[in-house]
Amino acid sequence: SIGARLAGARSITTHVPRGGSIEEPYTMLESTFGTERAASILKSVPTTALLIARQIERASDSMLGEMSMDLGVDENGGLWFFEANSRPMKFDEPAIRKLSLERIFQYGQHLARHPK
């Protein structure tokens, strides 16, 4: 699931309790980059996130199962990786929390069918 956050006025943090807000990713990108470029940027996010996740799992020699990432978009539309969390908190994004809980069960079922 992809979410977007906007920092509060005069703030560098997007954390909702500190003044940030949750936004719709496409709408946020479209207002800055236009329709086609916004769609292109958004389309590249899942592939980029999966590449980063695979590398983190390889480097840590761990199967993390769940991970959240903070990616940013610069003024040229380039994606930047800021951080990843292997056990992310979802207290301020109910839709992402619900999907995460569903996927925890799906991941457990996958592991049961494909033991290492």
Protein backbone atom coordinates (compact mmCIF):
# COMPACT_ATOMS: atom_id res chain seq x y z
CA SER A 1 0.00 0.00 0.00
CA ILE A 2 1.28 3.45 -0.85
CA GLY A 3 0.52 6.46 1.29
CA ALA A 4 1.69 10.03 1.13
CA ARG A 5 2.38 12.47 3.89
CA LEU A 6 2.90 16.18 3.84
CA ALA A 7 4.93 18.02 6.46
CA GLY A 8 3.17 20.63 8.53
CA ALA A 9 3.82 24.34 8.09
CA ARG A 10 7.44 25.20 8.96
CA SER A 11 8.18 21.58 9.80
CA ILE A 12 10.48 18.97 8.35
CA THR A 13 8.54 16.06 9.82
CA THR A 14 5.53 14.41 8.22
CA HIS A 15 4.51 12.68 11.46
CA VAL A 16 0.77 13.30 11.85
CA PRO A 17 0.77 13.97 15.61
CA ARG A 18 3.41 16.64 14.95
CA GLY A 19 1.41 18.51 12.34
CA GLY A 20 1.89 16.41 9.20
CA SER A 21 -1.05 15.21 7.16
CA ILE A 22 -1.97 12.06 5.24
CA GLU A 23 -2.59 12.77 1.57
CA GLU A 24 -3.59 10.82 -1.53
CA PRO A 25 -0.32 10.04 -3.38
CA TYR A 26 -1.48 10.62 -6.95
CA THR A 27 -3.22 13.90 -6.14
CA MET A 28 -0.16 15.16 -4.30
CA LEU A 29 2.20 14.25 -7.15
CA GLU A 30 -0.14 15.51 -9.87
CA SER A 31 -0.29 18.98 -8.36
CA THR A 32 3.50 19.25 -8.67
CA PHE A 33 4.41 17.16 -11.73
CA GLY A 34 1.27 16.98 -13.87
CA THR A 35 -0.81 13.97 -14.84
CA GLU A 36 1.64 11.90 -16.90
CA ARG A 37 4.73 12.45 -14.77
CA ALA A 38 2.77 11.78 -11.55
CA ALA A 39 1.54 8.47 -12.96
CA SER A 40 5.07 7.54 -14.01
CA ILE A 41 6.54 8.36 -10.60
CA LEU A 42 3.82 6.44 -8.79
CA LYS A 43 4.29 3.45 -11.09
CA SER A 44 8.00 3.29 -10.20
CA VAL A 45 7.45 3.21 -6.43
CA PRO A 46 6.53 -0.49 -5.97
CA THR A 47 9.48 -1.71 -8.06
CA THR A 48 11.88 0.58 -6.22
CA ALA A 49 10.52 -0.45 -2.82
CA LEU A 50 10.82 -4.16 -3.65
CA LEU A 51 14.42 -3.74 -4.82
CA ILE A 52 15.31 -1.96 -1.59
CA ALA A 53 13.46 -4.54 0.55
CA ARG A 54 15.25 -7.44 -1.13
CA GLN A 55 18.61 -5.79 -0.58
CA ILE A 56 17.84 -5.13 3.09
CA GLU A 57 16.83 -8.77 3.59
CA ARG A 58 19.98 -9.97 1.80
CA ALA A 59 22.25 -7.67 3.78
CA SER A 60 20.63 -8.57 7.11
CA ASP A 61 20.35 -12.27 6.23
CA SER A 62 16.78 -12.14 7.55
CA MET A 63 13.29 -12.73 6.25
CA LEU A 64 11.55 -9.68 7.63
CA GLY A 65 8.08 -10.37 6.23
CA GLU A 66 6.84 -6.85 6.80
CA MET A 67 8.53 -3.56 6.16
CA SER A 68 7.57 0.04 5.72
CA MET A 69 9.70 2.53 3.85
CA ASP A 70 9.96 6.24 3.69
CA LEU A 71 10.65 7.35 0.15
CA GLY A 72 10.74 10.94 -0.99
CA VAL A 73 10.38 12.60 -4.36
CA ASP A 74 12.67 15.47 -5.30
CA GLU A 75 11.80 18.43 -7.51
CA ASN A 76 12.92 16.48 -10.59
CA GLY A 77 10.71 13.48 -9.78
CA GLY A 78 13.60 11.35 -8.54
CA LEU A 79 12.91 8.85 -5.76
CA TRP A 80 14.99 8.94 -2.59
CA PHE A 81 15.13 6.29 0.12
CA PHE A 82 15.14 7.64 3.68
CA GLU A 83 14.49 4.71 6.00
CA ALA A 84 12.90 1.30 6.42
CA ASN A 85 11.20 -0.17 9.46
CA SER A 86 10.84 -3.92 9.82
CA ARG A 87 8.01 -3.68 12.35
CA PRO A 88 6.27 -0.47 11.38
CA MET A 89 3.66 1.29 13.46
CA LYS A 90 0.41 2.12 11.70
CA PHE A 91 -1.48 3.98 14.39
CA ASP A 92 -2.37 6.98 12.23
CA GLU A 93 -3.26 5.21 8.97
CA PRO A 94 -6.20 2.82 9.55
CA ALA A 95 -6.35 1.52 5.97
CA ILE A 96 -2.66 0.62 5.98
CA ARG A 97 -3.01 -0.99 9.43
CA LYS A 98 -5.90 -3.17 8.21
CA LEU A 99 -4.00 -4.27 5.11
CA SER A 100 -0.91 -4.98 7.19
CA LEU A 101 -2.84 -7.23 9.57
CA GLU A 102 -4.31 -9.14 6.63
CA ARG A 103 -0.88 -9.58 5.09
CA ILE A 104 0.64 -10.87 8.32
CA PHE A 105 -1.73 -13.84 8.07
CA GLN A 106 -1.01 -14.27 4.36
CA TYR A 107 2.73 -14.26 5.05
CA GLY A 108 2.30 -16.86 7.80
CA GLN A 109 0.36 -19.07 5.40
CA HIS A 110 3.08 -18.64 2.78
CA LEU A 111 5.77 -19.67 5.27
CA ALA A 112 3.74 -22.71 6.33
CA ARG A 113 3.46 -23.85 2.70
CA HIS A 114 7.12 -23.14 1.89
CA PRO A 115 9.28 -24.01 4.90
CA LYS A 116 12.91 -23.06 4.59
